[in-house]
Amino acid sequence: MGNYLVAMEAAWLVRDVEEIDDAIGVAVSEAGKRLNNEGMEYVEVEVGATGCPACGEPFDSAFVAAETALVGLALEMDVFNADGEEHASRIAKSEVGGALRDVPLSVIEVIEVPDE
């Protein structure tokens, strides 16, 4: 049994926005509110990063068109006493996916955290 940090990404749709910063703020706020309502304050929520295809530098993962935005959110949570990386991944996706129903979610990284 081990402890793991599981990083996930979610695709959040925001309607009636014109600016990317507004879309990011709304997406992070709405996701945080839904998670907190389910008692999941331990899940970290922030805007994701996408690499520039030309230079490779990261930029905020958000796109606005026709007053509708798609915001990529980065979510992280600790999973304790899992049987392995796959088990930790399934636990995290099930927990967060239950709170964020109808939101596309995928695990992007699982890191084993050494016992202290």
N, C-alpha and C. Protein backbone atom coordinates (compact mmCIF):
# COMPACT_ATOMS: atom_id res chain seq x y z
N MET A 1 0.84 -1.17 0.00
CA MET A 1 0.00 0.00 0.00
C MET A 1 0.89 1.24 0.00
N GLY A 2 0.56 2.17 -0.89
CA GLY A 2 1.37 3.38 -0.99
C GLY A 2 0.50 4.62 -1.10
N ASN A 3 1.17 5.75 -0.99
CA ASN A 3 0.51 7.04 -1.12
C ASN A 3 0.93 7.68 -2.43
N TYR A 4 -0.01 8.34 -3.11
CA TYR A 4 0.23 8.87 -4.44
C TYR A 4 -0.36 10.27 -4.59
N LEU A 5 0.29 11.06 -5.42
CA LEU A 5 -0.26 12.34 -5.87
C LEU A 5 -0.77 12.10 -7.29
N VAL A 6 -2.05 12.34 -7.50
CA VAL A 6 -2.66 12.10 -8.80
C VAL A 6 -3.02 13.44 -9.44
N ALA A 7 -2.50 13.67 -10.64
CA ALA A 7 -2.79 14.90 -11.39
C ALA A 7 -3.73 14.55 -12.53
N MET A 8 -4.78 15.36 -12.65
CA MET A 8 -5.78 15.15 -13.69
C MET A 8 -6.02 16.44 -14.44
N GLU A 9 -6.63 16.32 -15.61
CA GLU A 9 -7.05 17.51 -16.34
C GLU A 9 -8.53 17.36 -16.65
N ALA A 10 -9.21 18.52 -16.64
CA ALA A 10 -10.64 18.55 -16.93
C ALA A 10 -10.90 19.63 -17.97
N ALA A 11 -11.88 19.38 -18.83
CA ALA A 11 -12.28 20.36 -19.84
C ALA A 11 -13.55 21.04 -19.34
N TRP A 12 -13.46 22.35 -19.05
CA TRP A 12 -14.59 23.08 -18.47
C TRP A 12 -15.12 24.08 -19.48
N LEU A 13 -16.42 24.04 -19.74
CA LEU A 13 -17.07 24.93 -20.68
C LEU A 13 -17.68 26.11 -19.93
N VAL A 14 -17.39 27.35 -20.39
CA VAL A 14 -17.92 28.56 -19.77
C VAL A 14 -18.63 29.35 -20.86
N ARG A 15 -19.88 29.69 -20.62
CA ARG A 15 -20.67 30.43 -21.60
C ARG A 15 -20.76 31.90 -21.20
N ASP A 16 -21.04 32.75 -22.19
CA ASP A 16 -21.27 34.19 -21.98
C ASP A 16 -20.06 34.90 -21.38
N VAL A 17 -18.88 34.66 -21.93
CA VAL A 17 -17.67 35.38 -21.52
C VAL A 17 -17.00 35.94 -22.77
N GLU A 18 -16.27 37.03 -22.58
CA GLU A 18 -15.57 37.64 -23.70
C GLU A 18 -14.05 37.58 -23.52
N GLU A 19 -13.59 37.58 -22.27
CA GLU A 19 -12.15 37.61 -21.98
C GLU A 19 -11.69 36.27 -21.42
N ILE A 20 -10.48 35.90 -21.77
CA ILE A 20 -9.90 34.64 -21.28
C ILE A 20 -9.75 34.66 -19.77
N ASP A 21 -9.31 35.79 -19.20
CA ASP A 21 -9.15 35.86 -17.75
C ASP A 21 -10.47 35.64 -17.02
N ASP A 22 -11.56 36.18 -17.58
CA ASP A 22 -12.88 35.96 -16.98
C ASP A 22 -13.27 34.50 -17.06
N ALA A 23 -13.02 33.88 -18.19
CA ALA A 23 -13.35 32.47 -18.37
C ALA A 23 -12.58 31.59 -17.39
N ILE A 24 -11.30 31.89 -17.20
CA ILE A 24 -10.48 31.12 -16.26
C ILE A 24 -11.02 31.28 -14.85
N GLY A 25 -11.33 32.51 -14.47
CA GLY A 25 -11.85 32.76 -13.13
C GLY A 25 -13.15 32.02 -12.86
N VAL A 26 -14.05 32.06 -13.83
CA VAL A 26 -15.34 31.38 -13.69
C VAL A 26 -15.13 29.87 -13.61
N ALA A 27 -14.29 29.31 -14.46
CA ALA A 27 -14.07 27.86 -14.48
C ALA A 27 -13.47 27.37 -13.16
N VAL A 28 -12.44 28.05 -12.68
CA VAL A 28 -11.80 27.64 -11.42
C VAL A 28 -12.79 27.77 -10.27
N SER A 29 -13.55 28.87 -10.25
CA SER A 29 -14.52 29.11 -9.19
C SER A 29 -15.63 28.06 -9.19
N GLU A 30 -16.20 27.78 -10.36
CA GLU A 30 -17.28 26.80 -10.45
C GLU A 30 -16.81 25.39 -10.07
N ALA A 31 -15.65 25.01 -10.55
CA ALA A 31 -15.12 23.68 -10.22
C ALA A 31 -14.84 23.58 -8.73
N GLY A 32 -14.22 24.60 -8.16
CA GLY A 32 -13.95 24.61 -6.73
C GLY A 32 -15.21 24.53 -5.90
N LYS A 33 -16.23 25.25 -6.32
CA LYS A 33 -17.51 25.25 -5.60
C LYS A 33 -18.15 23.86 -5.63
N ARG A 34 -18.15 23.23 -6.80
CA ARG A 34 -18.75 21.88 -6.90
C ARG A 34 -17.98 20.88 -6.05
N LEU A 35 -16.66 20.98 -6.05
CA LEU A 35 -15.86 20.07 -5.23
C LEU A 35 -16.07 20.32 -3.75
N ASN A 36 -16.09 21.59 -3.35
CA ASN A 36 -16.29 21.93 -1.93
C ASN A 36 -17.66 21.51 -1.45
N ASN A 37 -18.69 21.62 -2.30
CA ASN A 37 -20.03 21.18 -1.93
C ASN A 37 -20.09 19.69 -1.64
N GLU A 38 -19.16 18.94 -2.23
CA GLU A 38 -19.09 17.50 -2.00
C GLU A 38 -18.11 17.16 -0.87
N GLY A 39 -17.59 18.17 -0.18
CA GLY A 39 -16.64 17.95 0.91
C GLY A 39 -15.25 17.59 0.44
N MET A 40 -14.89 18.01 -0.76
CA MET A 40 -13.60 17.65 -1.33
C MET A 40 -12.66 18.86 -1.40
N GLU A 41 -12.50 19.53 -0.26
CA GLU A 41 -11.63 20.71 -0.20
C GLU A 41 -10.16 20.34 -0.45
N TYR A 42 -9.83 19.07 -0.35
CA TYR A 42 -8.46 18.60 -0.51
C TYR A 42 -8.02 18.52 -1.98
N VAL A 43 -8.92 18.75 -2.92
CA VAL A 43 -8.56 18.72 -4.34
C VAL A 43 -8.11 20.11 -4.76
N GLU A 44 -6.90 20.22 -5.27
CA GLU A 44 -6.36 21.49 -5.75
C GLU A 44 -6.86 21.73 -7.17
N VAL A 45 -7.35 22.96 -7.42
CA VAL A 45 -7.86 23.32 -8.74
C VAL A 45 -7.13 24.56 -9.23
N GLU A 46 -6.62 24.50 -10.44
CA GLU A 46 -6.00 25.67 -11.06
C GLU A 46 -6.09 25.52 -12.58
N VAL A 47 -5.79 26.60 -13.27
CA VAL A 47 -5.83 26.54 -14.72
C VAL A 47 -4.67 25.69 -15.23
N GLY A 48 -4.93 24.92 -16.25
CA GLY A 48 -3.89 24.08 -16.83
C GLY A 48 -2.98 24.88 -17.74
N ALA A 49 -1.93 24.25 -18.19
CA ALA A 49 -0.97 24.88 -19.10
C ALA A 49 -0.86 24.05 -20.37
N THR A 50 -0.76 24.75 -21.49
CA THR A 50 -0.58 24.12 -22.79
C THR A 50 0.70 24.67 -23.40
N GLY A 51 1.48 23.81 -23.99
CA GLY A 51 2.73 24.25 -24.61
C GLY A 51 2.49 24.88 -25.97
N CYS A 52 3.16 25.99 -26.22
CA CYS A 52 3.08 26.66 -27.52
C CYS A 52 3.68 25.73 -28.57
N PRO A 53 2.98 25.50 -29.68
CA PRO A 53 3.53 24.61 -30.71
C PRO A 53 4.78 25.17 -31.38
N ALA A 54 4.96 26.48 -31.36
CA ALA A 54 6.12 27.09 -32.02
C ALA A 54 7.35 27.11 -31.12
N CYS A 55 7.17 27.58 -29.87
CA CYS A 55 8.33 27.77 -29.00
C CYS A 55 8.39 26.82 -27.81
N GLY A 56 7.28 26.16 -27.51
CA GLY A 56 7.25 25.23 -26.40
C GLY A 56 6.96 25.87 -25.05
N GLU A 57 6.88 27.19 -24.99
CA GLU A 57 6.60 27.87 -23.73
C GLU A 57 5.15 27.61 -23.30
N PRO A 58 4.91 27.37 -22.00
CA PRO A 58 3.54 27.12 -21.55
C PRO A 58 2.72 28.40 -21.48
N PHE A 59 1.42 28.27 -21.78
CA PHE A 59 0.48 29.37 -21.61
C PHE A 59 -0.82 28.79 -21.06
N ASP A 60 -1.67 29.67 -20.50
CA ASP A 60 -2.93 29.22 -19.91
C ASP A 60 -3.75 28.44 -20.93
N SER A 61 -4.30 27.34 -20.49
CA SER A 61 -5.06 26.45 -21.35
C SER A 61 -6.51 26.91 -21.43
N ALA A 62 -6.76 27.94 -22.25
CA ALA A 62 -8.11 28.47 -22.40
C ALA A 62 -8.27 29.04 -23.81
N PHE A 63 -9.48 28.91 -24.33
CA PHE A 63 -9.78 29.42 -25.66
C PHE A 63 -11.20 29.97 -25.66
N VAL A 64 -11.37 31.19 -26.20
CA VAL A 64 -12.69 31.81 -26.26
C VAL A 64 -13.07 32.03 -27.73
N ALA A 65 -14.28 31.61 -28.08
CA ALA A 65 -14.85 31.86 -29.40
C ALA A 65 -16.35 31.98 -29.23
N ALA A 66 -16.94 32.98 -29.88
CA ALA A 66 -18.39 33.19 -29.85
C ALA A 66 -18.91 33.26 -28.41
N GLU A 67 -18.19 33.98 -27.57
CA GLU A 67 -18.55 34.17 -26.16
C GLU A 67 -18.71 32.87 -25.38
N THR A 68 -18.01 31.83 -25.84
CA THR A 68 -17.98 30.54 -25.15
C THR A 68 -16.52 30.13 -25.02
N ALA A 69 -16.15 29.67 -23.81
CA ALA A 69 -14.75 29.31 -23.57
C ALA A 69 -14.62 27.84 -23.19
N LEU A 70 -13.52 27.28 -23.61
CA LEU A 70 -13.11 25.96 -23.16
C LEU A 70 -11.85 26.18 -22.33
N VAL A 71 -11.93 25.83 -21.05
CA VAL A 71 -10.82 26.04 -20.13
C VAL A 71 -10.31 24.68 -19.67
N GLY A 72 -9.02 24.47 -19.80
CA GLY A 72 -8.39 23.25 -19.30
C GLY A 72 -7.99 23.47 -17.85
N LEU A 73 -8.55 22.68 -16.95
CA LEU A 73 -8.23 22.79 -15.53
C LEU A 73 -7.28 21.67 -15.11
N ALA A 74 -6.36 22.01 -14.23
CA ALA A 74 -5.46 21.03 -13.63
C ALA A 74 -5.96 20.75 -12.22
N LEU A 75 -6.17 19.48 -11.92
CA LEU A 75 -6.66 19.05 -10.61
C LEU A 75 -5.65 18.10 -10.00
N GLU A 76 -5.39 18.26 -8.71
CA GLU A 76 -4.47 17.36 -8.01
C GLU A 76 -5.08 16.93 -6.69
N MET A 77 -4.85 15.67 -6.36
CA MET A 77 -5.28 15.18 -5.05
C MET A 77 -4.35 14.06 -4.59
N ASP A 78 -4.23 13.94 -3.28
CA ASP A 78 -3.45 12.86 -2.68
C ASP A 78 -4.36 11.67 -2.47
N VAL A 79 -3.85 10.49 -2.78
CA VAL A 79 -4.56 9.23 -2.55
C VAL A 79 -3.70 8.40 -1.62
N PHE A 80 -4.28 7.97 -0.51
CA PHE A 80 -3.54 7.22 0.50
C PHE A 80 -3.91 5.74 0.46
N ASN A 81 -2.93 4.90 0.76
CA ASN A 81 -3.13 3.45 0.89
C ASN A 81 -3.69 2.79 -0.36
N ALA A 82 -3.17 3.17 -1.52
CA ALA A 82 -3.59 2.54 -2.77
C ALA A 82 -2.65 1.36 -3.06
N ASP A 83 -3.16 0.39 -3.81
CA ASP A 83 -2.37 -0.80 -4.14
C ASP A 83 -1.32 -0.55 -5.21
N GLY A 84 -1.42 0.55 -5.92
CA GLY A 84 -0.46 0.89 -6.97
C GLY A 84 -0.93 2.12 -7.72
N GLU A 85 -0.17 2.48 -8.75
CA GLU A 85 -0.50 3.68 -9.53
C GLU A 85 -1.87 3.58 -10.20
N GLU A 86 -2.17 2.42 -10.77
CA GLU A 86 -3.45 2.24 -11.45
C GLU A 86 -4.61 2.35 -10.46
N HIS A 87 -4.45 1.77 -9.28
CA HIS A 87 -5.49 1.84 -8.26
C HIS A 87 -5.68 3.28 -7.79
N ALA A 88 -4.59 3.99 -7.56
CA ALA A 88 -4.66 5.40 -7.15
C ALA A 88 -5.35 6.24 -8.22
N SER A 89 -5.04 5.96 -9.46
CA SER A 89 -5.66 6.67 -10.58
C SER A 89 -7.17 6.44 -10.61
N ARG A 90 -7.60 5.21 -10.44
CA ARG A 90 -9.03 4.89 -10.45
C ARG A 90 -9.75 5.55 -9.27
N ILE A 91 -9.11 5.55 -8.10
CA ILE A 91 -9.71 6.17 -6.92
C ILE A 91 -9.91 7.66 -7.16
N ALA A 92 -8.86 8.34 -7.63
CA ALA A 92 -8.93 9.79 -7.84
C ALA A 92 -9.97 10.13 -8.90
N LYS A 93 -9.97 9.42 -9.99
CA LYS A 93 -10.91 9.70 -11.07
C LYS A 93 -12.35 9.46 -10.62
N SER A 94 -12.58 8.44 -9.82
CA SER A 94 -13.91 8.14 -9.31
C SER A 94 -14.37 9.23 -8.34
N GLU A 95 -13.50 9.65 -7.44
CA GLU A 95 -13.85 10.69 -6.45
C GLU A 95 -14.17 12.01 -7.14
N VAL A 96 -13.24 12.48 -7.96
CA VAL A 96 -13.42 13.79 -8.61
C VAL A 96 -14.52 13.70 -9.67
N GLY A 97 -14.57 12.62 -10.41
CA GLY A 97 -15.59 12.46 -11.44
C GLY A 97 -17.00 12.44 -10.86
N GLY A 98 -17.15 11.92 -9.64
CA GLY A 98 -18.46 11.92 -9.00
C GLY A 98 -18.93 13.33 -8.67
N ALA A 99 -18.00 14.20 -8.30
CA ALA A 99 -18.35 15.58 -7.95
C ALA A 99 -18.51 16.44 -9.20
N LEU A 100 -17.75 16.14 -10.24
CA LEU A 100 -17.78 16.94 -11.47
C LEU A 100 -18.45 16.14 -12.59
N ARG A 101 -19.67 15.72 -12.35
CA ARG A 101 -20.39 14.94 -13.35
C ARG A 101 -20.48 15.69 -14.68
N ASP A 102 -20.45 14.97 -15.77
CA ASP A 102 -20.57 15.53 -17.12
C ASP A 102 -19.41 16.44 -17.49
N VAL A 103 -18.28 16.32 -16.81
CA VAL A 103 -17.07 17.08 -17.14
C VAL A 103 -16.02 16.08 -17.61
N PRO A 104 -15.52 16.24 -18.84
CA PRO A 104 -14.46 15.33 -19.31
C PRO A 104 -13.25 15.41 -18.38
N LEU A 105 -12.74 14.26 -17.96
CA LEU A 105 -11.68 14.18 -16.97
C LEU A 105 -10.72 13.07 -17.35
N SER A 106 -9.42 13.35 -17.28
CA SER A 106 -8.44 12.29 -17.54
C SER A 106 -7.25 12.46 -16.60
N VAL A 107 -6.67 11.33 -16.24
CA VAL A 107 -5.48 11.31 -15.39
C VAL A 107 -4.27 11.54 -16.27
N ILE A 108 -3.42 12.51 -15.88
CA ILE A 108 -2.25 12.80 -16.69
C ILE A 108 -0.94 12.37 -16.03
N GLU A 109 -0.95 12.22 -14.69
CA GLU A 109 0.27 11.80 -14.02
C GLU A 109 -0.05 11.25 -12.64
N VAL A 110 0.67 10.20 -12.25
CA VAL A 110 0.56 9.63 -10.91
C VAL A 110 1.98 9.53 -10.36
N ILE A 111 2.19 10.13 -9.19
CA ILE A 111 3.52 10.15 -8.57
C ILE A 111 3.43 9.49 -7.19
N GLU A 112 4.28 8.51 -6.96
CA GLU A 112 4.31 7.89 -5.63
C GLU A 112 4.99 8.83 -4.65
N VAL A 113 4.35 9.03 -3.50
CA VAL A 113 4.88 9.91 -2.46
C VAL A 113 5.48 9.03 -1.38
N PRO A 114 6.78 9.22 -1.08
CA PRO A 114 7.41 8.38 -0.07
C PRO A 114 6.80 8.61 1.32
N ASP A 115 6.75 7.54 2.12
CA ASP A 115 6.26 7.67 3.49
C ASP A 115 7.23 8.50 4.30
N GLU A 116 6.66 9.26 5.23
CA GLU A 116 7.54 10.11 6.06
C GLU A 116 7.94 9.40 7.32
